[in-house]
């Protein structure tokens, strides 16, 4: 958690609104394995990280609410009686979506003032949108004593994403951001929305994130298209979701779907199985197997689910040439964003320098490299900051 950012947001709020705010930190997330399985009611393995959104929020006596996006230096003023999605609304729609979903549940939200800022790299697949949604639903729940549980809050955040951002996301991002446990990842069952924390000790290894700093335009449409394919095949098989299907059970419908759709669906089934294997490998402290599963996951995402891109494939392929890296894969929805890599701690700096140079040479632009720690989920920040 970035103490400097917390101080900056707090200071800005007090400067603009002349009062002391409630402070909330909502983390971004990484996903160790289990990509695109969440909306198939399968298993995922996310963790909250020490990068996120800091929100300062307090009730207002004015007739409008004001939100100041500190990173963007943008202010948005709105009335609570006229909530609807904005065309090209960007960050505003995530906040409006949260308010709208709370209103649909019958809650009366009063006007408020807010300042927020974050240190989650944009477009990196670390779920800045879920962190933003969670920070606001959590802050509003505290301010107006709504009495919502964390589980109820993440459903509000998810519906805000569906109805105001137009992305039919699963529950993983909001869940990991809200329920994260320090130094742990969560084996999350997306059907029951229940998780088991796994304390993770990577020993001499650590996680490295490499951000391609690209986001290809296909991402949103492709996400929704793939979700439709999964739902279509589930319907043909007469099951609730692909989580209920074994690979051999696809045979009866194979002739009724395209080869491309068959590959996509088989990836989901295989990935769901990999998540379970990953949890067993953690219990056994089998780091070699963890690495192999990461590579298998990437191959499936790239070759079968077709959500990778040349930049992500390049980064993963480069790691295969380095014996100090156990595994790597693309992370997030795809078509850009980050790779997640399991690398020997002592080699972090050297590989960071090498891969940055190679990526720049190959694509003419810089990648960004980060290390992250596994963090606590959304919570009120100690006022001593």
Protein backbone atom coordinates (compact mmCIF):
# COMPACT_ATOMS: atom_id res chain seq x y z
CA UNK A 1 0.00 0.00 0.00
CA UNK A 2 1.40 3.34 -1.12
CA UNK A 3 1.54 5.59 1.96
CA UNK A 4 2.66 8.55 -0.13
CA UNK A 5 -0.42 8.19 -2.35
CA UNK A 6 -2.70 7.98 0.69
CA UNK A 7 -1.24 11.22 2.06
CA UNK A 8 -1.60 12.92 -1.32
CA UNK A 9 -5.28 11.94 -1.70
CA UNK A 10 -6.05 12.93 1.89
CA UNK A 11 -4.32 16.30 1.47
CA UNK A 12 -6.14 17.00 -1.79
CA UNK A 13 -9.52 16.21 -0.25
CA UNK A 14 -8.92 18.47 2.75
CA UNK A 15 -7.71 21.25 0.45
CA UNK A 16 -10.74 21.13 -1.89
CA UNK A 17 -13.52 20.26 0.53
CA UNK A 18 -12.23 21.75 3.82
CA UNK A 19 -13.09 18.70 5.90
CA UNK A 20 -11.57 15.37 6.89
CA UNK A 21 -12.58 12.35 4.78
CA UNK A 22 -13.07 8.65 5.26
CA UNK A 23 -10.12 6.94 3.55
CA UNK A 24 -10.46 3.62 1.73
CA UNK A 25 -7.80 1.52 -0.02
CA UNK A 26 -8.96 -0.95 -2.65
CA UNK A 27 -6.27 -3.09 -4.27
CA UNK A 28 -5.79 -4.21 -7.82
CA UNK A 29 -5.30 -7.90 -8.38
CA UNK A 30 -3.18 -10.39 -10.20
CA UNK A 31 -4.37 -13.81 -11.25
CA UNK A 32 -1.83 -16.59 -10.84
CA UNK A 33 -3.78 -18.98 -13.08
CA UNK A 34 -7.36 -19.52 -14.27
CA UNK A 35 -7.99 -17.02 -17.07
CA UNK A 36 -11.53 -16.69 -18.52
CA UNK A 37 -12.74 -19.53 -16.29
CA UNK A 38 -14.62 -17.17 -13.95
CA UNK A 39 -17.59 -16.50 -16.22
CA UNK A 40 -17.77 -20.25 -16.83
CA UNK A 41 -18.45 -20.75 -13.09
CA UNK A 42 -15.05 -22.41 -12.74
CA UNK A 43 -12.00 -21.93 -10.54
CA UNK A 44 -9.50 -19.08 -10.48
CA UNK A 45 -6.45 -18.25 -8.38
CA UNK A 46 -6.28 -14.48 -7.85
CA UNK A 47 -4.56 -12.35 -5.21
CA UNK A 48 -4.93 -8.73 -4.18
CA UNK A 49 -1.74 -6.70 -4.61
CA UNK A 50 -0.10 -3.71 -2.95
CA UNK A 51 -1.09 -1.39 -5.80
CA UNK A 52 -4.59 0.02 -5.91
CA UNK A 53 -7.03 2.90 -5.59
CA UNK A 54 -7.07 5.29 -2.64
CA UNK A 55 -10.44 6.98 -2.10
CA UNK A 56 -11.17 9.93 0.18
CA UNK A 57 -14.93 10.39 0.60
CA UNK A 58 -17.32 12.30 2.86
CA UNK A 59 -20.97 13.36 2.95
CA UNK A 60 -21.88 16.70 1.35
CA UNK A 61 -24.59 19.24 2.21
CA UNK A 62 -24.73 20.47 -1.38
CA UNK A 63 -27.35 19.51 -3.99
CA UNK A 64 -24.76 17.75 -6.15
CA UNK A 65 -22.00 15.20 -5.64
CA UNK A 66 -18.44 15.98 -6.74
CA UNK A 67 -15.72 13.49 -7.62
CA UNK A 68 -12.15 14.55 -8.34
CA UNK A 69 -9.96 12.07 -10.28
CA UNK A 70 -6.56 13.21 -9.06
CA UNK A 71 -4.42 11.29 -11.58
CA UNK A 72 -6.37 12.75 -14.47
CA UNK A 73 -6.96 16.19 -12.92
CA UNK A 74 -10.65 15.88 -13.82
CA UNK A 75 -13.71 16.83 -11.74
CA UNK A 76 -17.20 15.41 -12.28
CA UNK A 77 -20.33 16.96 -10.76
CA UNK A 78 -23.68 15.18 -10.88
CA UNK A 79 -27.07 14.91 -9.22
CA UNK A 80 -28.17 11.63 -7.69
CA UNK A 81 -31.60 11.80 -9.31
CA UNK A 82 -30.29 11.61 -12.88
CA UNK A 83 -27.97 8.62 -12.90
CA UNK A 84 -27.43 7.05 -16.32
CA UNK A 85 -24.42 5.81 -18.31
CA UNK A 86 -22.41 8.48 -20.09
CA UNK A 87 -21.26 8.06 -23.68
CA UNK A 88 -17.45 7.75 -23.50
CA UNK A 89 -17.77 8.31 -19.75
CA UNK A 90 -14.57 6.45 -18.83
CA UNK A 91 -13.94 6.36 -15.08
CA UNK A 92 -17.18 8.24 -14.39
CA UNK A 93 -19.31 5.29 -15.54
CA UNK A 94 -17.80 2.92 -12.96
CA UNK A 95 -18.82 5.29 -10.16
CA UNK A 96 -22.25 6.05 -11.63
CA UNK A 97 -22.79 2.31 -12.09
CA UNK A 98 -22.13 1.64 -8.40
CA UNK A 99 -24.57 4.37 -7.36
CA UNK A 100 -27.22 3.12 -9.81
CA UNK A 101 -26.95 -0.47 -8.56
CA UNK A 102 -27.27 0.69 -4.94
CA UNK A 103 -30.34 2.72 -5.86
CA UNK A 104 -31.86 -0.33 -7.59
CA UNK A 105 -31.51 -2.19 -4.28
CA UNK A 106 -33.59 0.53 -2.64
CA UNK A 107 -30.81 2.37 -0.82
CA UNK A 108 -30.98 6.12 -0.49
CA UNK A 109 -27.52 7.57 -1.06
CA UNK A 110 -26.95 11.17 0.01
CA UNK A 111 -24.69 13.55 -1.88
CA UNK A 112 -20.98 13.18 -1.28
CA UNK A 113 -17.58 14.59 -2.18
CA UNK A 114 -14.71 12.34 -3.20
CA UNK A 115 -11.10 12.39 -4.37
CA UNK A 116 -9.40 9.26 -5.70
CA UNK A 117 -6.08 8.29 -7.21
CA UNK A 118 -4.32 5.04 -7.96
CA UNK A 119 -0.98 3.46 -8.73
CA UNK A 120 -2.26 0.48 -10.76
CA UNK A 121 -0.67 0.67 -14.21
CA UNK A 122 -3.42 1.37 -16.75
CA UNK A 123 -4.31 -1.40 -19.18
CA UNK A 124 -2.08 -3.89 -17.38
CA UNK A 125 -4.81 -6.40 -16.56
CA UNK A 126 -4.63 -5.69 -12.82
CA UNK A 127 -8.28 -4.68 -12.58
CA UNK A 128 -8.15 -0.99 -11.84
CA UNK A 129 -11.88 -0.85 -12.70
CA UNK A 130 -12.79 -3.41 -10.01
CA UNK A 131 -10.63 -1.56 -7.49
CA UNK A 132 -12.40 1.71 -8.33
CA UNK A 133 -15.86 0.15 -8.09
CA UNK A 134 -15.02 -1.58 -4.82
CA UNK A 135 -13.56 1.58 -3.28
CA UNK A 136 -16.78 3.48 -3.95
CA UNK A 137 -19.24 0.77 -2.88
CA UNK A 138 -17.18 0.20 0.28
CA UNK A 139 -16.90 3.92 1.01
CA UNK A 140 -20.60 4.58 0.41
CA UNK A 141 -21.53 1.55 2.52
CA UNK A 142 -19.47 2.98 5.41
CA UNK A 143 -20.64 6.59 5.00
CA UNK A 144 -24.35 5.90 4.72
CA UNK A 145 -24.47 2.83 7.01
CA UNK A 146 -26.03 0.62 4.31
CA UNK A 147 -25.17 -2.60 6.12
CA UNK A 148 -24.01 -4.47 3.02
CA UNK A 149 -21.78 -7.51 3.40
CA UNK A 150 -18.59 -7.76 1.34
CA UNK A 151 -20.27 -10.39 -0.84
CA UNK A 152 -23.21 -8.07 -1.51
CA UNK A 153 -20.80 -5.22 -2.29
CA UNK A 154 -18.89 -7.15 -4.95
CA UNK A 155 -22.16 -8.04 -6.71
CA UNK A 156 -22.94 -4.31 -6.86
CA UNK A 157 -19.49 -3.69 -8.36
CA UNK A 158 -19.88 -6.50 -10.89
CA UNK A 159 -23.30 -5.25 -12.02
CA UNK A 160 -21.91 -1.73 -12.35
CA UNK A 161 -19.33 -3.15 -14.78
CA UNK A 162 -22.00 -5.05 -16.72
CA UNK A 163 -24.54 -2.26 -16.97
CA UNK A 164 -22.43 0.89 -17.09
CA UNK A 165 -19.12 -0.21 -18.63
CA UNK A 166 -20.65 -2.83 -20.94
CA UNK A 167 -18.24 -5.61 -19.95
CA UNK A 168 -19.93 -8.86 -18.92
CA UNK A 169 -17.15 -9.74 -16.47
CA UNK A 170 -17.18 -12.64 -14.04
CA UNK A 171 -16.85 -12.07 -10.29
CA UNK A 172 -13.11 -12.75 -9.91
CA UNK A 173 -11.75 -9.20 -10.15
CA UNK A 174 -14.16 -7.69 -7.65
CA UNK A 175 -13.82 -10.69 -5.32
CA UNK A 176 -10.02 -10.68 -5.21
CA UNK A 177 -9.90 -6.92 -4.69
CA UNK A 178 -12.44 -7.08 -1.83
CA UNK A 179 -11.42 -10.30 -0.06
CA UNK A 180 -7.64 -10.39 -0.59
CA UNK A 181 -5.48 -11.84 2.19
CA UNK A 182 -1.95 -10.64 2.86
CA UNK A 183 0.81 -12.94 1.49
CA UNK A 184 -1.88 -15.26 0.10
CA UNK A 185 -3.72 -16.13 -3.09
CA UNK A 186 -7.34 -17.27 -3.13
CA UNK A 187 -8.58 -20.47 -4.73
CA UNK A 188 -11.96 -19.11 -5.71
CA UNK A 189 -14.91 -21.21 -6.79
CA UNK A 190 -16.83 -18.82 -9.04
CA UNK A 191 -20.04 -20.82 -8.74
CA UNK A 192 -20.34 -20.79 -4.96
CA UNK A 193 -18.37 -17.52 -4.68
CA UNK A 194 -16.38 -19.07 -1.86
CA UNK A 195 -12.62 -19.18 -1.57
CA UNK A 196 -9.81 -20.80 0.31
CA UNK A 197 -6.68 -18.74 1.01
CA UNK A 198 -3.33 -20.35 0.21
CA UNK A 199 -0.36 -18.78 1.94
CA UNK A 200 2.33 -18.71 -0.71
CA UNK A 201 6.05 -19.00 -0.20
CA UNK A 202 7.91 -18.81 -3.49
CA UNK A 203 11.21 -19.39 -1.66
CA UNK A 204 14.09 -18.06 -3.75
CA UNK A 205 11.66 -16.95 -6.46
CA UNK A 206 9.38 -13.94 -6.79
CA UNK A 207 6.69 -12.64 -9.11
CA UNK A 208 7.59 -10.26 -11.91
CA UNK A 209 4.97 -8.47 -13.99
CA UNK A 210 5.94 -7.19 -17.42
CA UNK A 211 3.51 -4.73 -18.96
CA UNK A 212 3.51 -4.59 -22.76
CA UNK A 213 1.95 -1.11 -22.51
CA UNK A 214 -0.30 -2.04 -25.41
CA UNK A 215 -4.04 -2.62 -25.50
CA UNK A 216 -5.38 -3.75 -28.84
CA UNK A 217 -8.86 -2.56 -29.77
CA UNK A 218 -10.29 -6.06 -30.05
CA UNK A 219 -10.35 -6.66 -26.31
CA UNK A 220 -13.89 -5.74 -25.23
CA UNK A 221 -15.71 -7.20 -28.24
CA UNK A 222 -13.56 -10.34 -28.21
CA UNK A 223 -14.23 -10.87 -24.49
CA UNK A 224 -17.99 -10.74 -24.99
CA UNK A 225 -17.77 -12.92 -28.14
CA UNK A 226 -15.87 -15.64 -26.27
CA UNK A 227 -18.31 -15.54 -23.42
CA UNK A 228 -21.14 -16.07 -25.95
CA UNK A 229 -19.34 -19.12 -27.40
CA UNK A 230 -19.00 -20.65 -23.93
CA UNK A 231 -22.67 -20.06 -23.16
CA UNK A 232 -23.75 -21.44 -26.55
CA UNK A 233 -21.83 -24.70 -26.07
CA UNK A 234 -23.07 -25.07 -22.47
CA UNK A 235 -26.61 -24.78 -23.77
CA UNK A 236 -25.98 -27.43 -26.44
CA UNK A 237 -24.62 -29.75 -23.74
CA UNK A 238 -27.54 -28.91 -21.45
CA UNK A 239 -25.26 -27.90 -18.57
CA UNK A 240 -25.27 -24.76 -16.47
CA UNK A 241 -21.68 -23.85 -17.38
CA UNK A 242 -18.49 -25.30 -18.87
CA UNK A 243 -17.27 -25.93 -15.34
CA UNK A 244 -19.48 -29.04 -15.44
CA UNK A 245 -17.90 -30.51 -18.58
CA UNK A 246 -15.04 -32.96 -19.12
CA UNK A 247 -13.08 -32.81 -22.37
CA UNK A 248 -14.45 -36.16 -23.61
CA UNK A 249 -18.00 -34.87 -23.09
CA UNK A 250 -17.53 -32.32 -25.89
CA UNK A 251 -17.58 -35.11 -28.51
CA UNK A 252 -21.39 -35.17 -29.04
CA UNK A 253 -21.45 -31.50 -30.09
CA UNK A 254 -18.09 -31.32 -31.86
CA UNK A 255 -19.68 -31.66 -35.29
CA UNK A 256 -22.21 -28.91 -34.48
CA UNK A 257 -19.66 -26.20 -33.70
CA UNK A 258 -16.71 -24.73 -35.57
CA UNK A 259 -13.19 -25.99 -34.95
CA UNK A 260 -12.32 -22.54 -33.61
CA UNK A 261 -15.15 -22.68 -31.06
CA UNK A 262 -14.18 -26.23 -30.09
CA UNK A 263 -10.64 -25.08 -29.35
CA UNK A 264 -11.92 -22.19 -27.23
CA UNK A 265 -14.18 -24.42 -25.17
CA UNK A 266 -11.51 -27.10 -24.72
CA UNK A 267 -9.13 -24.42 -23.42
CA UNK A 268 -11.65 -23.46 -20.69
CA UNK A 269 -12.06 -27.09 -19.58
CA UNK A 270 -8.28 -27.64 -19.49
CA UNK A 271 -7.61 -24.36 -17.69
CA UNK A 272 -10.14 -25.19 -15.02
CA UNK A 273 -8.25 -28.42 -14.37
CA UNK A 274 -4.92 -26.55 -14.27
CA UNK A 275 -6.17 -24.31 -11.47
CA UNK A 276 -6.82 -27.37 -9.30
CA UNK A 277 -3.37 -28.76 -10.14
CA UNK A 278 -1.84 -25.40 -9.25
CA UNK A 279 -3.37 -25.46 -5.77
CA UNK A 280 -1.99 -28.97 -5.19
CA UNK A 281 1.46 -27.84 -6.38
CA UNK A 282 1.40 -24.98 -3.86
CA UNK A 283 0.57 -27.39 -1.05
CA UNK A 284 3.48 -29.59 -2.10
CA UNK A 285 5.75 -26.58 -2.63
CA UNK A 286 6.43 -27.87 -6.16
CA UNK A 287 7.68 -24.70 -7.82
CA UNK A 288 8.75 -26.52 -11.00
CA UNK A 289 5.17 -27.73 -11.56
CA UNK A 290 3.81 -24.23 -10.88
CA UNK A 291 6.05 -22.94 -13.66
CA UNK A 292 4.98 -25.68 -16.10
CA UNK A 293 1.32 -24.91 -15.45
CA UNK A 294 1.91 -21.22 -16.16
CA UNK A 295 3.43 -22.06 -19.54
CA UNK A 296 0.59 -24.47 -20.35
CA UNK A 297 -1.94 -21.77 -19.47
CA UNK A 298 -0.27 -19.28 -21.82
CA UNK A 299 -0.11 -21.78 -24.67
CA UNK A 300 -3.85 -22.40 -24.31
CA UNK A 301 -4.69 -18.71 -24.16
CA UNK A 302 -2.55 -17.98 -27.21
CA UNK A 303 -3.22 -20.98 -29.45
CA UNK A 304 -6.72 -22.10 -28.45
CA UNK A 305 -8.57 -19.17 -26.89
CA UNK A 306 -6.80 -16.70 -29.22
CA UNK A 307 -6.61 -13.80 -26.77
CA UNK A 308 -2.87 -13.21 -26.81
CA UNK A 309 -0.92 -10.89 -29.12
CA UNK A 310 2.58 -10.73 -30.58
CA UNK A 311 3.91 -8.62 -27.71
CA UNK A 312 2.69 -11.03 -25.02
CA UNK A 313 3.89 -14.09 -26.94
CA UNK A 314 7.30 -12.46 -27.40
CA UNK A 315 7.69 -11.86 -23.66
CA UNK A 316 6.69 -15.41 -22.75
CA UNK A 317 8.92 -16.96 -25.42
CA UNK A 318 11.91 -14.96 -24.17
CA UNK A 319 11.48 -16.37 -20.66
CA UNK A 320 11.77 -19.91 -22.05
CA UNK A 321 15.38 -19.11 -22.96
CA UNK A 322 16.22 -18.25 -19.33
CA UNK A 323 16.81 -21.10 -16.87
CA UNK A 324 16.21 -18.71 -13.93
CA UNK A 325 12.54 -18.36 -14.85
CA UNK A 326 10.26 -21.26 -13.95
CA UNK A 327 7.18 -20.14 -15.84
CA UNK A 328 5.32 -17.25 -17.45
CA UNK A 329 1.97 -16.49 -19.04
CA UNK A 330 -0.19 -13.62 -20.19
CA UNK A 331 -2.51 -12.34 -17.48
CA UNK A 332 -5.92 -10.74 -17.79
CA UNK A 333 -8.46 -10.57 -20.61
CA UNK A 334 -5.81 -10.45 -23.31
CA UNK A 335 -4.74 -8.50 -26.41
CA UNK A 336 -2.20 -6.58 -24.36
CA UNK A 337 -1.52 -5.93 -20.71
CA UNK A 338 0.92 -7.97 -18.64
CA UNK A 339 2.72 -11.24 -18.38
CA UNK A 340 3.22 -12.79 -14.96
CA UNK A 341 6.57 -14.51 -14.42
CA UNK A 342 8.09 -16.65 -11.67
CA UNK A 343 11.74 -15.64 -11.53
CA UNK A 344 14.73 -16.26 -9.27
CA UNK A 345 14.99 -13.24 -6.95
CA UNK A 346 18.72 -12.80 -7.60
CA UNK A 347 18.09 -12.56 -11.36
CA UNK A 348 15.26 -10.00 -11.23
CA UNK A 349 17.35 -6.90 -12.00
CA UNK A 350 19.39 -8.53 -14.74
CA UNK A 351 16.37 -9.95 -16.56
CA UNK A 352 14.49 -6.68 -16.16
CA UNK A 353 17.33 -4.89 -17.96
CA UNK A 354 17.67 -7.58 -20.65
CA UNK A 355 13.97 -7.93 -21.46
CA UNK A 356 13.44 -4.16 -21.51
CA UNK A 357 16.22 -3.82 -24.09
CA UNK A 358 14.94 -6.71 -26.25
CA UNK A 359 11.33 -5.53 -26.15
CA UNK A 360 12.31 -1.99 -27.18
CA UNK A 361 14.43 -3.37 -30.01
CA UNK A 362 11.60 -5.63 -31.23
CA UNK A 363 8.63 -3.26 -30.96
CA UNK A 364 10.12 0.23 -30.86
CA UNK A 365 8.50 1.06 -27.53
CA UNK A 366 9.19 0.36 -23.87
CA UNK A 367 7.68 -2.32 -21.68
CA UNK A 368 7.37 -1.74 -17.92
CA UNK A 369 8.51 -4.18 -15.24
CA UNK A 370 7.11 -4.40 -11.70
CA UNK A 371 7.37 -6.57 -8.65
CA UNK A 372 4.25 -6.92 -6.49
CA UNK A 373 3.38 -8.17 -3.02
CA UNK A 374 0.21 -10.05 -2.13
CA UNK A 375 -1.99 -7.73 -0.11
CA UNK A 376 -5.05 -7.28 2.09
CA UNK A 377 -8.37 -6.58 0.33
CA UNK A 378 -10.47 -3.40 0.37
CA UNK A 379 -10.47 -1.71 3.77
CA UNK A 380 -10.64 1.58 5.64
CA UNK A 381 -7.20 3.12 5.98
CA UNK A 382 -5.84 4.08 9.38
CA UNK A 383 -6.42 7.81 9.83
CA UNK A 384 -2.86 8.37 11.05
CA UNK A 385 -1.81 8.57 7.40
